[in-house]
Amino acid sequence: MKAVLMPETGGPEVLSLQEVTAPELQAPHQLKIALKAAGVNPVDTKLRSRGVFLPNGLPAVLGCDGAGVVLEIGKDVQRFKPGDEVWFCSGGLGGPLGNYAQITLVDEAACCLKPSTLSFEQAAAGPLVLITAWEALFDRARLSEGQTVLVHAGAGGVGHVAIQLAKSIGARVLTTVSSPDKVRFVKALGVDEAILYPEIDFVTAVNDLTKGRGADVVFDTVGPEVFKQSIPAVAHYGDLVTLLDPGLDVNWKEARNRNLRIAFTLMLTPMLRELPEARAHHGAILQRCAELVAAGRLRIEVARSLPLAQAAEAHRLIEAGHTLGKLVLTH
């Protein structure tokens, strides 16, 4: 089979399409899947430039997100059969099992049947960002109907699905974006207020829009500076959730005075720490999202699809930023 190999850390040029041996089933609960598409995520570019998570993980096949067709099943698989179309987030953290490839192996607990209304490209773009947004909003922040949430970078991969998930439960959704085009994009997703942050201070805007109360939940998808700036935009007794390390120089005084709950979301933890129950929870989240897709309440935006051989170009586009939605590699 063909796969994009990463033999060493470096720039996008270290990625190349090569012929490799196809993997064979290794465990009774595994599925062997013919991949049709793979999502490209910022974590892929970080692993390429900084190094993979798993020890002795080079050469590596990157790509956590995948969608494809089941070829074979392990003897204890209960929920799938050959020919099923599936989507999942699994692998891609080091070693040979990633989704920038034609075939991979996935534990059935991490898989879900692909919604019939989604193309393979759309399905491959979804799992990592959907699970990340779901865990941040509902598992960590406990967002509920009628609350106000601020989603940073609402036009991005995580942000654009976070907006829709929050709206699906009846929350009021505010978001930050960087351009008028992105304002139009997030408005089409149902956002209540889009804050053009290069022109407007988002803390002032959020407090104005909430009559000085602040947002019940703030979801930081950007990084340390945005995290620190967000503290005075959170309502007293509210939740501030981040995907990234806020750094060592956070002044926690205002967060403490507001009695904020601070939470972290790293959806890769179940793979990194081998937590089977948490991986099963990810599969359950995908099933819930599949139901929203089927009901027409959730869409996944694919900004661009590229062939597998152009994985390096996909990484260049990710690192340049400014995309609406997700990038996908097709097999």
Protein backbone atom coordinates (compact mmCIF):
# COMPACT_ATOMS: atom_id res chain seq x y z
CA MET A 1 0.00 0.00 0.00
CA LYS A 2 0.98 3.66 -0.21
CA ALA A 3 1.48 5.85 2.84
CA VAL A 4 2.98 9.24 3.61
CA LEU A 5 6.04 8.59 5.77
CA MET A 6 7.71 10.98 8.19
CA PRO A 7 11.24 9.60 8.74
CA GLU A 8 12.44 12.53 10.86
CA THR A 9 11.29 15.83 12.31
CA GLY A 10 11.48 18.93 10.17
CA GLY A 11 9.52 21.02 7.70
CA PRO A 12 6.76 19.78 5.40
CA GLU A 13 9.39 18.49 2.99
CA VAL A 14 10.12 15.51 5.29
CA LEU A 15 6.75 14.01 4.27
CA SER A 16 6.81 11.77 1.20
CA LEU A 17 4.51 9.18 -0.36
CA GLN A 18 6.10 5.71 -0.28
CA GLU A 19 5.24 2.08 -0.78
CA VAL A 20 4.99 0.23 2.56
CA THR A 21 3.69 -3.09 3.86
CA ALA A 22 -0.02 -3.05 4.66
CA PRO A 23 -0.82 -3.73 8.34
CA GLU A 24 -2.60 -6.94 9.38
CA LEU A 25 -5.05 -7.37 12.25
CA GLN A 26 -3.23 -7.55 15.58
CA ALA A 27 -6.02 -7.74 18.17
CA PRO A 28 -9.48 -9.32 18.41
CA HIS A 29 -11.35 -6.00 18.61
CA GLN A 30 -9.60 -4.35 15.66
CA LEU A 31 -10.95 -3.35 12.29
CA LYS A 32 -8.84 -3.27 9.13
CA ILE A 33 -9.99 -0.25 7.17
CA ALA A 34 -9.43 0.89 3.60
CA LEU A 35 -9.09 4.63 4.05
CA LYS A 36 -10.85 6.98 1.66
CA ALA A 37 -9.83 10.27 3.30
CA ALA A 38 -7.84 11.66 6.24
CA GLY A 39 -8.31 14.93 8.09
CA VAL A 40 -5.33 17.24 8.51
CA ASN A 41 -5.09 18.93 11.91
CA PRO A 42 -2.69 21.42 13.53
CA VAL A 43 -1.47 18.65 15.83
CA ASP A 44 -0.11 16.84 12.75
CA THR A 45 2.12 19.80 11.92
CA LYS A 46 3.34 19.99 15.52
CA LEU A 47 4.22 16.31 15.57
CA ARG A 48 6.08 16.72 12.28
CA SER A 49 8.09 19.71 13.46
CA ARG A 50 8.65 18.80 17.14
CA GLY A 51 8.53 15.00 17.23
CA VAL A 52 5.93 12.28 17.72
CA PHE A 53 4.38 11.33 21.06
CA LEU A 54 5.21 7.62 21.02
CA PRO A 55 8.69 6.31 21.89
CA ASN A 56 10.63 4.89 18.95
CA GLY A 57 7.84 6.28 16.80
CA LEU A 58 9.87 7.09 13.68
CA PRO A 59 9.35 6.59 10.85
CA ALA A 60 5.75 7.62 11.43
CA VAL A 61 2.51 7.80 9.49
CA LEU A 62 0.66 10.90 10.69
CA GLY A 63 -3.05 11.62 10.67
CA CYS A 64 -5.47 11.08 13.57
CA ASP A 65 -8.71 11.51 11.61
CA GLY A 66 -9.95 8.98 9.10
CA ALA A 67 -12.93 7.71 7.15
CA GLY A 68 -13.15 4.58 5.05
CA VAL A 69 -14.57 1.11 4.49
CA VAL A 70 -14.11 -1.91 6.77
CA LEU A 71 -12.11 -4.64 5.00
CA GLU A 72 -11.70 -7.21 7.81
CA ILE A 73 -12.76 -7.58 11.45
CA GLY A 74 -11.16 -9.22 14.46
CA LYS A 75 -12.80 -12.28 15.97
CA ASP A 76 -14.38 -10.35 18.88
CA VAL A 77 -15.73 -7.38 16.91
CA GLN A 78 -19.45 -6.96 17.59
CA ARG A 79 -20.64 -3.75 15.96
CA PHE A 80 -19.15 -3.77 12.47
CA LYS A 81 -18.88 -5.99 9.40
CA PRO A 82 -16.84 -5.83 6.19
CA GLY A 83 -18.24 -3.20 3.87
CA ASP A 84 -19.36 -0.81 6.62
CA GLU A 85 -18.45 2.84 6.09
CA VAL A 86 -16.90 4.31 9.25
CA TRP A 87 -15.30 7.46 10.67
CA PHE A 88 -12.97 7.72 13.64
CA CYS A 89 -10.10 9.47 15.40
CA SER A 90 -7.30 6.98 16.04
CA GLY A 91 -3.57 6.64 15.43
CA GLY A 92 -1.22 9.15 13.90
CA LEU A 93 0.79 9.85 17.07
CA GLY A 94 3.87 7.86 16.05
CA GLY A 95 4.68 4.55 14.41
CA PRO A 96 3.08 3.00 11.32
CA LEU A 97 -0.62 3.31 12.19
CA GLY A 98 -1.84 6.68 10.97
CA ASN A 99 -4.36 7.83 8.41
CA TYR A 100 -2.10 9.38 5.77
CA ALA A 101 -2.23 5.90 4.27
CA GLN A 102 -4.40 3.60 2.21
CA ILE A 103 -5.03 1.07 5.01
CA THR A 104 -4.99 1.26 8.81
CA LEU A 105 -6.11 -0.65 11.92
CA VAL A 106 -8.56 0.81 14.46
CA ASP A 107 -10.12 -0.53 17.65
CA GLU A 108 -13.87 -0.84 17.16
CA ALA A 109 -14.53 1.23 20.30
CA ALA A 110 -13.15 4.34 18.56
CA CYS A 111 -15.27 3.86 15.43
CA CYS A 112 -18.73 4.93 14.44
CA LEU A 113 -20.75 4.31 11.31
CA LYS A 114 -20.29 7.22 8.92
CA PRO A 115 -23.43 9.34 8.47
CA SER A 116 -24.81 8.55 5.03
CA THR A 117 -25.26 12.25 4.28
CA LEU A 118 -21.54 12.96 4.70
CA SER A 119 -18.96 12.33 2.00
CA PHE A 120 -15.81 10.51 3.05
CA GLU A 121 -13.99 13.86 2.87
CA GLN A 122 -16.47 15.53 5.22
CA ALA A 123 -16.44 12.55 7.59
CA ALA A 124 -12.63 12.48 7.73
CA ALA A 125 -12.61 16.18 8.60
CA GLY A 126 -14.85 15.72 11.61
CA PRO A 127 -13.83 13.36 14.44
CA LEU A 128 -10.96 15.17 16.17
CA VAL A 129 -12.61 18.57 16.13
CA LEU A 130 -16.04 17.22 17.07
CA ILE A 131 -14.73 15.22 20.02
CA THR A 132 -12.56 18.15 21.12
CA ALA A 133 -15.43 20.63 21.00
CA TRP A 134 -17.88 18.23 22.67
CA GLU A 135 -15.53 17.44 25.56
CA ALA A 136 -14.67 21.11 26.06
CA LEU A 137 -18.24 22.43 26.00
CA PHE A 138 -20.20 19.62 27.61
CA ASP A 139 -17.82 17.37 29.57
CA ARG A 140 -15.55 20.11 30.95
CA ALA A 141 -17.64 23.33 30.97
CA ARG A 142 -21.07 21.70 31.42
CA LEU A 143 -22.63 24.17 28.97
CA SER A 144 -26.42 24.15 29.14
CA GLU A 145 -29.43 25.68 27.44
CA GLY A 146 -29.76 29.44 27.87
CA GLN A 147 -26.14 30.04 28.83
CA THR A 148 -23.81 32.30 26.86
CA VAL A 149 -20.59 30.86 25.44
CA LEU A 150 -17.71 32.66 23.72
CA VAL A 151 -15.95 30.44 21.18
CA HIS A 152 -12.61 31.83 20.08
CA ALA A 153 -11.63 31.43 16.40
CA GLY A 154 -15.10 30.37 15.36
CA ALA A 155 -14.19 29.96 11.69
CA GLY A 156 -11.50 27.35 12.41
CA GLY A 157 -11.71 23.58 12.53
CA VAL A 158 -12.69 23.24 16.20
CA GLY A 159 -14.45 26.58 16.37
CA HIS A 160 -16.91 26.04 13.53
CA VAL A 161 -18.25 22.79 15.00
CA ALA A 162 -18.20 24.18 18.57
CA ILE A 163 -20.58 26.94 17.43
CA GLN A 164 -23.01 24.39 16.03
CA LEU A 165 -22.82 22.03 19.01
CA ALA A 166 -23.50 24.92 21.39
CA LYS A 167 -26.46 26.09 19.29
CA SER A 168 -27.84 22.54 19.21
CA ILE A 169 -28.58 22.71 22.96
CA GLY A 170 -29.98 26.24 22.89
CA ALA A 171 -26.97 28.23 24.08
CA ARG A 172 -26.30 31.82 23.03
CA VAL A 173 -23.06 31.78 21.03
CA LEU A 174 -20.54 34.59 20.61
CA THR A 175 -17.36 34.13 18.61
CA THR A 176 -14.19 35.94 17.62
CA VAL A 177 -13.07 36.07 13.98
CA SER A 178 -10.43 37.96 12.04
CA SER A 179 -12.13 39.07 8.81
CA PRO A 180 -15.49 40.06 7.29
CA ASP A 181 -15.50 36.83 5.24
CA LYS A 182 -15.27 34.86 8.47
CA VAL A 183 -18.09 36.93 9.96
CA ARG A 184 -20.31 35.82 7.09
CA PHE A 185 -19.16 32.22 7.48
CA VAL A 186 -19.95 31.97 11.22
CA LYS A 187 -23.26 33.79 10.78
CA ALA A 188 -24.25 31.05 8.33
CA LEU A 189 -23.47 28.52 11.09
CA GLY A 190 -25.98 30.24 13.40
CA VAL A 191 -23.71 32.27 15.66
CA ASP A 192 -25.55 35.01 17.55
CA GLU A 193 -22.75 37.59 17.60
CA ALA A 194 -19.45 37.67 15.69
CA ILE A 195 -16.71 39.87 17.17
CA LEU A 196 -14.18 41.16 14.63
CA TYR A 197 -11.27 41.15 17.06
CA PRO A 198 -8.72 43.12 14.95
CA GLU A 199 -11.13 46.06 15.17
CA ILE A 200 -12.90 45.53 18.50
CA ASP A 201 -11.56 44.53 21.93
CA PHE A 202 -13.28 41.22 22.50
CA VAL A 203 -13.42 41.57 26.31
CA THR A 204 -15.24 44.88 26.00
CA ALA A 205 -17.53 43.45 23.34
CA VAL A 206 -18.43 40.38 25.40
CA ASN A 207 -19.18 42.42 28.49
CA ASP A 208 -21.26 44.88 26.46
CA LEU A 209 -23.22 42.00 24.87
CA THR A 210 -23.88 40.44 28.29
CA LYS A 211 -24.69 43.69 30.12
CA GLY A 212 -21.45 43.46 32.09
CA ARG A 213 -21.97 39.89 33.28
CA GLY A 214 -19.51 38.10 30.98
CA ALA A 215 -19.91 34.77 29.20
CA ASP A 216 -20.85 31.72 31.26
CA VAL A 217 -18.29 29.73 29.26
CA VAL A 218 -15.25 30.85 27.29
CA PHE A 219 -13.62 28.29 25.00
CA ASP A 220 -10.02 29.15 24.06
CA THR A 221 -8.83 27.36 20.93
CA VAL A 222 -5.95 29.78 20.22
CA GLY A 223 -3.31 29.86 22.95
CA PRO A 224 -1.72 31.55 25.98
CA GLU A 225 -2.30 35.23 25.16
CA VAL A 226 -5.96 34.70 24.32
CA PHE A 227 -6.40 32.57 27.44
CA LYS A 228 -4.98 35.32 29.66
CA GLN A 229 -6.98 38.04 27.93
CA SER A 230 -10.18 35.99 28.29
CA ILE A 231 -10.28 35.87 32.10
CA PRO A 232 -12.18 39.18 32.52
CA ALA A 233 -14.63 38.09 29.81
CA VAL A 234 -15.86 35.14 31.90
CA ALA A 235 -18.84 35.55 34.22
CA HIS A 236 -18.31 35.06 37.94
CA TYR A 237 -18.51 31.33 38.74
CA GLY A 238 -18.09 30.63 35.02
CA ASP A 239 -15.87 28.25 33.07
CA LEU A 240 -12.74 28.94 31.04
CA VAL A 241 -11.66 25.95 28.93
CA THR A 242 -8.50 25.83 26.85
CA LEU A 243 -6.95 23.39 24.38
CA LEU A 244 -3.42 24.63 25.04
CA ASP A 245 -0.92 25.20 27.84
CA PRO A 246 -1.56 28.76 29.12
CA GLY A 247 2.08 29.11 30.20
CA LEU A 248 3.75 30.00 33.47
CA ASP A 249 3.12 33.75 33.52
CA VAL A 250 -0.65 33.74 34.09
CA ASN A 251 -1.81 36.21 36.75
CA TRP A 252 -4.49 34.07 38.40
CA LYS A 253 -5.77 36.77 40.77
CA GLU A 254 -8.78 37.85 38.68
CA ALA A 255 -9.67 34.23 37.86
CA ARG A 256 -9.62 33.44 41.58
CA ASN A 257 -11.65 36.51 42.47
CA ARG A 258 -14.26 35.46 39.90
CA ASN A 259 -14.35 31.88 41.26
CA LEU A 260 -13.71 30.53 37.78
CA ARG A 261 -13.43 26.87 36.93
CA ILE A 262 -10.37 26.38 34.70
CA ALA A 263 -10.32 23.27 32.54
CA PHE A 264 -8.12 21.66 29.91
CA THR A 265 -9.16 19.54 26.96
CA LEU A 266 -6.72 17.23 25.17
CA MET A 267 -8.78 14.71 23.25
CA LEU A 268 -5.64 12.66 22.48
CA THR A 269 -5.30 11.58 26.14
CA PRO A 270 -7.16 8.24 25.73
CA MET A 271 -4.69 7.22 23.00
CA LEU A 272 -1.63 8.54 24.83
CA ARG A 273 -2.53 6.91 28.17
CA GLU A 274 -4.32 3.79 26.85
CA LEU A 275 -7.68 4.53 28.48
CA PRO A 276 -10.19 2.18 26.80
CA GLU A 277 -13.28 3.58 28.55
CA ALA A 278 -12.38 7.09 27.44
CA ARG A 279 -11.85 5.88 23.87
CA ALA A 280 -15.30 4.30 23.98
CA HIS A 281 -16.65 7.67 25.12
CA HIS A 282 -15.14 9.21 22.00
CA GLY A 283 -17.01 6.69 19.90
CA ALA A 284 -20.21 7.60 21.75
CA ILE A 285 -19.60 11.30 21.06
CA LEU A 286 -19.25 10.55 17.34
CA GLN A 287 -22.56 8.67 17.45
CA ARG A 288 -24.28 11.68 19.02
CA CYS A 289 -22.73 13.94 16.37
CA ALA A 290 -23.86 11.55 13.63
CA GLU A 291 -27.42 11.99 14.90
CA LEU A 292 -27.07 15.78 14.68
CA VAL A 293 -25.70 15.48 11.14
CA ALA A 294 -28.63 13.25 10.15
CA ALA A 295 -31.05 15.80 11.61
CA GLY A 296 -29.48 18.60 9.56
CA ARG A 297 -28.24 20.40 12.70
CA LEU A 298 -24.51 19.95 12.18
CA ARG A 299 -22.31 20.43 9.14
CA ILE A 300 -18.59 19.94 8.65
CA GLU A 301 -16.87 22.47 6.44
CA VAL A 302 -14.09 21.18 4.18
CA ALA A 303 -12.01 24.11 3.00
CA ARG A 304 -9.98 22.06 0.53
CA SER A 305 -9.25 18.45 -0.44
CA LEU A 306 -5.82 17.42 -1.70
CA PRO A 307 -4.52 14.04 -2.89
CA LEU A 308 -2.50 11.96 -0.43
CA ALA A 309 0.71 12.73 -2.32
CA GLN A 310 0.28 16.41 -1.45
CA ALA A 311 0.40 15.96 2.34
CA ALA A 312 3.36 18.36 2.55
CA GLU A 313 1.33 21.07 0.81
CA ALA A 314 -1.55 20.47 3.22
CA HIS A 315 0.85 21.06 6.12
CA ARG A 316 2.06 24.31 4.53
CA LEU A 317 -1.53 25.51 4.22
CA ILE A 318 -2.31 24.60 7.85
CA GLU A 319 0.76 26.46 9.10
CA ALA A 320 -0.10 29.51 7.00
CA GLY A 321 -3.51 29.68 8.72
CA HIS A 322 -6.59 31.59 7.56
CA THR A 323 -8.56 28.54 6.35
CA LEU A 324 -12.30 28.23 6.87
CA GLY A 325 -13.02 24.79 8.30
CA LYS A 326 -10.77 21.78 7.60
CA LEU A 327 -8.24 20.43 5.13
CA VAL A 328 -8.51 16.82 3.95
CA LEU A 329 -6.31 14.33 2.11
CA THR A 330 -8.08 11.96 -0.30
CA HIS A 331 -6.80 8.45 -0.98
